[in-house]
């Protein structure tokens, strides 16, 4: 009776496992075979070119640059003449009363035309505003350069994440196959009287865990592809893969980290933007102080009127005028003094933000410099560890068949092998990203650097 119950439980467990595997196949069918939007595999270069046209963050920064550019034009307009024209025409009626009696209403037309010109001659505030606008433009351009470099890094990062997710799915499938074979061998050994039920249970547990890992890997692949789509605007199921044979492991071009730090201080877009923010704050102080000084304007105009009011009925006036106007503020209720103090506080804030950005950029340069060196060591170490793990797994399997090794040792060797393969794949992609991030943090990243990296990727059939 106990044997019958055990058989029923085993059959029910088998049905649950088959239903789970069927669900996994449905999930894979929904996610993996999505038709690519392009006939050929998507390369890193093409992904970046798509991102230039699609990425909202980059396009927003590009628009900010155009906005700042027009601020300079607006500020320069304060130095140019301001010409205004006005025309009016009307129909009026006037009733008048005197001591001698009331005069009937008089109907008449009115015409008024004027043309005025104002030419600023001296305005220190306009000068400060123009210089401030140029600093705003320079800041925006520095931020745009930084955002351009950031787009290249973000595109490469999501591209590599998608590729790693694909490889992770392949590793998971291979691990499922290896654990299934181990489970079948355990069952055969038990059937021939050499194994135990414990070995079968261990192999079954390893196989079930591999199935769960496979499901997680498939979901991770879909997420990574969608993240790449968020930047590039295209969803593709086929990417150019990283070819380890073409991957050249080289250290930073400059061997001295302090040389990279010096370059970052000079070329970093974020540091440059912070410097311009300090300049903007300085010009704000100048602009506020300028409101205390006189302003000189040249005024010229012409006015023509016919019966402009009821005192000039039937009269025509044609007047030309020319004047130089001097205006000087006397008292503003303390507004100007408060504005100056506020502007000085903003300058202090901008200067401290510059210090913070310089320190952050220096820290990033040092971090990515050493990370690139470390990633080279990691890739080479994982390559050697992979060769050793493959040999160890083969020896453990032979020992298991000969009765010298346990099933748990074989499963542990399988797990270690695929963990090393994942770590090696991750280290290779991290090396690619570290080289880009080092150049980005130093303000030196260009499209040529990205295209140089693109040489490491080839089509799946290559």
Foldseek 3Di string as FASTA:
>chain_A
DVVVVVVVVVVVVVVVVVVLVVVLVVLCVVFQPDAFPDPFAAFLLNLLVLLCVAAPVLVVLVVQLVVLVVQLVVLVCLQDKDKDKDKDKDKDWDWDADPVGTDDIDIDMKIKIKMKIKGWDDFQLSVLSNQLSVLSSQLSVLVSLLVSLVSSLQLLVLLLQLQLLVVQLVLLVVQLVVLVVLLVVQVVCVVVPNHDVVLNVLSVVLNVVSSVSNSVSSVSNSVSQVSSCNRSVTGGSFHFHFDPVPDDQDADPDPDLVVLLVLLCVARSVLSSLVSQLVSLVSQLSSLVSLQAKIKMKMWMWMWMACNDVVRHRHIDIDTDIDMDIDGDDDDPCPSVVSNVVSVVSSVVSVVVSVVLSVVLSVQLVVLNVLLVVLSVQLVVLVVVLVVLVVVLVVQVVCVVVPNHGSNVNSVSSVVNSVSVSSNSVSSSSNLSSNSSNCSSSNNDDVVSSVVSSVSTGGPVD
